[in-house]
Amino acid sequence: MAGVTEYLDHVARIQQAWSRERPDLDVRPQGVIGRLHRLAGHLSEQLQVVYRRYGLGEGEFDVLATLRRAGEPFERAPGELAAFTMVTTGAMTKRIDRLERDGLVSRRPSTTDGRGRVVALTEAGRKLIDQAFAEHMRNERRLLDLLPPDDSAALEHLLATWLAALEAPLPTGTDLSRPHD
């Protein structure tokens, strides 16, 4: 259209420069990967606003949410928490220490492993994560509503397909909602 300047986003400008400097390379993958990377940064910023409102970092939110979705009695072994949240056991210990100090979780000895411990949500922790998660879902809905519904559904399908190609599948019958003591 005459008089209309096409907008080049940050990634398109990088692709354009690389195409000029290295015309021998196919830089089209940057169009997807680069935009996903930038989008992840923007989304993280928007999600952390809610976490901070409840005095939580992303890691603490993740621990509380993992415990809450485990169902009654809302507990897991620290190693399970680390596996479900994809952090090292050392990082998990720091998160649990802070949450315990704030009265949001408690620790007790395992009934099945004499050396093991179990981390459980306190009543205060359950109330906090229930409120924070409800606001988190409203925030995610707000962000997703920036896309038309059909695009959102197509994107979910594409991302699920791509993720399945990159991640090892869980064994059939794996129940991530049940704690193992």
Protein backbone atom coordinates (compact mmCIF):
# COMPACT_ATOMS: atom_id res chain seq x y z
CA MET A 1 0.00 0.00 0.00
CA ALA A 2 1.35 3.40 -0.90
CA GLY A 3 2.38 5.52 2.06
CA VAL A 4 2.30 2.64 4.56
CA THR A 5 5.66 1.71 6.05
CA GLU A 6 6.00 -1.93 7.03
CA TYR A 7 6.91 -2.32 10.69
CA LEU A 8 10.04 -4.37 11.32
CA ASP A 9 10.17 -5.77 14.84
CA HIS A 10 13.46 -6.30 16.67
CA VAL A 11 13.92 -9.82 15.30
CA ALA A 12 13.10 -8.80 11.73
CA ARG A 13 15.74 -6.06 11.91
CA ILE A 14 18.33 -8.61 13.14
CA GLN A 15 17.37 -11.02 10.36
CA GLN A 16 17.63 -8.26 7.81
CA ALA A 17 21.15 -7.36 9.02
CA TRP A 18 22.29 -10.99 9.01
CA SER A 19 20.84 -11.55 5.55
CA ARG A 20 22.86 -8.59 4.34
CA GLU A 21 26.07 -9.70 6.10
CA ARG A 22 25.70 -13.47 5.61
CA PRO A 23 23.48 -14.08 2.57
CA ASP A 24 24.84 -17.63 2.47
CA LEU A 25 22.94 -18.56 5.66
CA ASP A 26 19.23 -19.21 6.15
CA VAL A 27 18.25 -16.89 9.00
CA ARG A 28 14.53 -17.78 8.91
CA PRO A 29 14.79 -19.87 12.14
CA GLN A 30 15.50 -16.62 13.99
CA GLY A 31 12.00 -15.52 13.07
CA VAL A 32 10.55 -18.19 15.34
CA ILE A 33 13.27 -18.80 17.91
CA GLY A 34 14.17 -15.14 18.36
CA ARG A 35 10.55 -14.09 18.77
CA LEU A 36 9.86 -16.92 21.22
CA HIS A 37 12.90 -15.86 23.24
CA ARG A 38 11.81 -12.21 23.32
CA LEU A 39 8.23 -13.18 24.06
CA ALA A 40 9.37 -15.36 26.97
CA GLY A 41 11.14 -12.36 28.47
CA HIS A 42 8.06 -10.14 28.13
CA LEU A 43 5.78 -12.84 29.54
CA SER A 44 8.09 -13.49 32.49
CA GLU A 45 8.05 -9.79 33.38
CA GLN A 46 4.25 -9.73 33.26
CA LEU A 47 3.90 -12.92 35.33
CA GLN A 48 6.35 -11.77 37.98
CA VAL A 49 4.19 -8.72 38.70
CA VAL A 50 1.61 -11.07 40.24
CA TYR A 51 4.21 -13.12 42.15
CA ARG A 52 5.67 -9.95 43.70
CA ARG A 53 2.20 -8.79 44.72
CA TYR A 54 2.10 -11.84 47.00
CA GLY A 55 5.67 -11.46 48.26
CA LEU A 56 6.90 -14.36 46.14
CA GLY A 57 9.54 -14.92 43.52
CA GLU A 58 8.88 -17.21 40.58
CA GLY A 59 10.63 -20.09 42.36
CA GLU A 60 8.61 -19.77 45.56
CA PHE A 61 5.39 -19.51 43.57
CA ASP A 62 6.39 -22.67 41.71
CA VAL A 63 7.01 -24.61 44.96
CA LEU A 64 3.71 -23.52 46.52
CA ALA A 65 1.82 -24.30 43.31
CA THR A 66 3.45 -27.75 43.06
CA LEU A 67 2.47 -28.55 46.64
CA ARG A 68 -1.08 -27.23 46.15
CA ARG A 69 -1.78 -29.22 43.02
CA ALA A 70 -0.51 -32.38 44.72
CA GLY A 71 -3.87 -32.50 46.52
CA GLU A 72 -4.47 -33.39 50.15
CA PRO A 73 -2.32 -33.44 52.24
CA PHE A 74 -0.43 -30.94 49.97
CA GLU A 75 3.04 -32.36 50.48
CA ARG A 76 6.03 -33.77 48.61
CA ALA A 77 9.57 -34.85 49.29
CA PRO A 78 12.16 -32.14 48.52
CA GLY A 79 13.62 -34.25 45.71
CA GLU A 80 10.20 -34.50 44.07
CA LEU A 81 9.75 -30.76 44.36
CA ALA A 82 13.11 -30.25 42.67
CA ALA A 83 12.19 -32.65 39.86
CA PHE A 84 8.72 -31.14 39.31
CA THR A 85 10.08 -27.60 39.27
CA MET A 86 13.25 -28.50 37.33
CA VAL A 87 15.80 -27.00 39.73
CA THR A 88 18.71 -28.48 41.63
CA THR A 89 18.18 -29.83 45.13
CA GLY A 90 20.42 -27.02 46.44
CA ALA A 91 18.23 -24.36 44.85
CA MET A 92 15.16 -26.16 46.18
CA THR A 93 16.57 -26.15 49.72
CA LYS A 94 16.97 -22.36 49.57
CA ARG A 95 13.39 -21.93 48.35
CA ILE A 96 12.02 -24.23 51.05
CA ASP A 97 14.07 -22.45 53.74
CA ARG A 98 12.55 -19.10 52.77
CA LEU A 99 9.02 -20.46 52.54
CA GLU A 100 9.39 -22.19 55.90
CA ARG A 101 10.76 -19.01 57.48
CA ASP A 102 7.68 -17.16 56.14
CA GLY A 103 5.34 -19.80 57.59
CA LEU A 104 4.09 -20.99 54.19
CA VAL A 105 5.48 -24.55 54.37
CA SER A 106 6.60 -26.92 57.08
CA ARG A 107 8.99 -29.88 57.08
CA ARG A 108 8.60 -33.19 58.84
CA PRO A 109 10.42 -36.53 58.78
CA SER A 110 9.26 -38.99 56.13
CA THR A 111 7.26 -41.96 57.37
CA THR A 112 8.83 -44.23 54.75
CA ASP A 113 12.46 -43.04 54.70
CA GLY A 114 14.15 -42.52 58.06
CA ARG A 115 16.58 -39.99 56.58
CA GLY A 116 14.06 -38.28 54.30
CA ARG A 117 11.94 -35.21 54.87
CA VAL A 118 8.55 -34.12 53.58
CA VAL A 119 7.56 -30.54 52.79
CA ALA A 120 3.92 -29.57 53.31
CA LEU A 121 1.85 -26.45 52.75
CA THR A 122 0.74 -24.74 55.92
CA GLU A 123 -2.77 -23.30 56.08
CA ALA A 124 -1.27 -19.85 55.43
CA GLY A 125 0.62 -21.25 52.43
CA ARG A 126 -2.52 -22.86 51.01
CA LYS A 127 -4.51 -19.64 51.35
CA LEU A 128 -1.74 -17.59 49.78
CA ILE A 129 -1.23 -19.88 46.78
CA ASP A 130 -4.98 -20.18 46.21
CA GLN A 131 -5.24 -16.38 45.98
CA ALA A 132 -2.02 -15.95 44.00
CA PHE A 133 -2.89 -18.73 41.54
CA ALA A 134 -6.35 -17.29 40.87
CA GLU A 135 -4.78 -13.91 40.05
CA HIS A 136 -2.04 -15.66 38.04
CA MET A 137 -4.70 -17.35 35.87
CA ARG A 138 -6.50 -14.03 35.33
CA ASN A 139 -3.17 -12.49 34.31
CA GLU A 140 -2.39 -15.34 31.89
CA ARG A 141 -5.90 -15.00 30.41
CA ARG A 142 -5.30 -11.26 29.92
CA LEU A 143 -2.03 -11.98 28.12
CA LEU A 144 -3.50 -14.72 25.95
CA ASP A 145 -6.49 -12.57 25.07
CA LEU A 146 -4.09 -10.33 23.11
CA LEU A 147 -4.48 -13.00 20.41
CA PRO A 148 -7.67 -13.95 18.59
CA PRO A 149 -9.10 -17.22 20.04
CA ASP A 150 -8.38 -19.24 16.89
CA ASP A 151 -4.76 -18.08 16.87
CA SER A 152 -4.43 -18.92 20.56
CA ALA A 153 -5.75 -22.46 19.98
CA ALA A 154 -3.48 -22.96 16.95
CA LEU A 155 -0.48 -21.67 18.89
CA GLU A 156 -1.21 -24.03 21.79
CA HIS A 157 -1.37 -26.96 19.38
CA LEU A 158 1.86 -25.97 17.62
CA LEU A 159 3.74 -25.45 20.89
CA ALA A 160 2.49 -28.75 22.33
CA THR A 161 3.58 -30.59 19.19
CA TRP A 162 7.01 -28.95 19.23
CA LEU A 163 7.49 -29.52 22.95
CA ALA A 164 6.55 -33.19 22.57
CA ALA A 165 9.30 -33.53 19.97
CA LEU A 166 11.88 -32.10 22.38
CA GLU A 167 10.86 -33.62 25.72
CA ALA A 168 10.93 -37.23 26.78
CA PRO A 169 7.41 -38.54 27.27
CA LEU A 170 6.27 -39.57 30.75
CA PRO A 171 5.42 -43.23 31.22
CA THR A 172 1.74 -44.01 30.68
CA GLY A 173 -0.17 -43.80 33.94
CA THR A 174 2.22 -41.33 35.58
CA ASP A 175 0.22 -39.35 38.13
CA LEU A 176 1.93 -36.04 38.87
CA SER A 177 -0.82 -35.03 41.27
CA ARG A 178 -0.11 -37.65 43.94
CA PRO A 179 2.67 -37.17 46.48
CA HIS A 180 5.05 -39.98 47.23
CA ASP A 181 6.08 -40.22 50.91
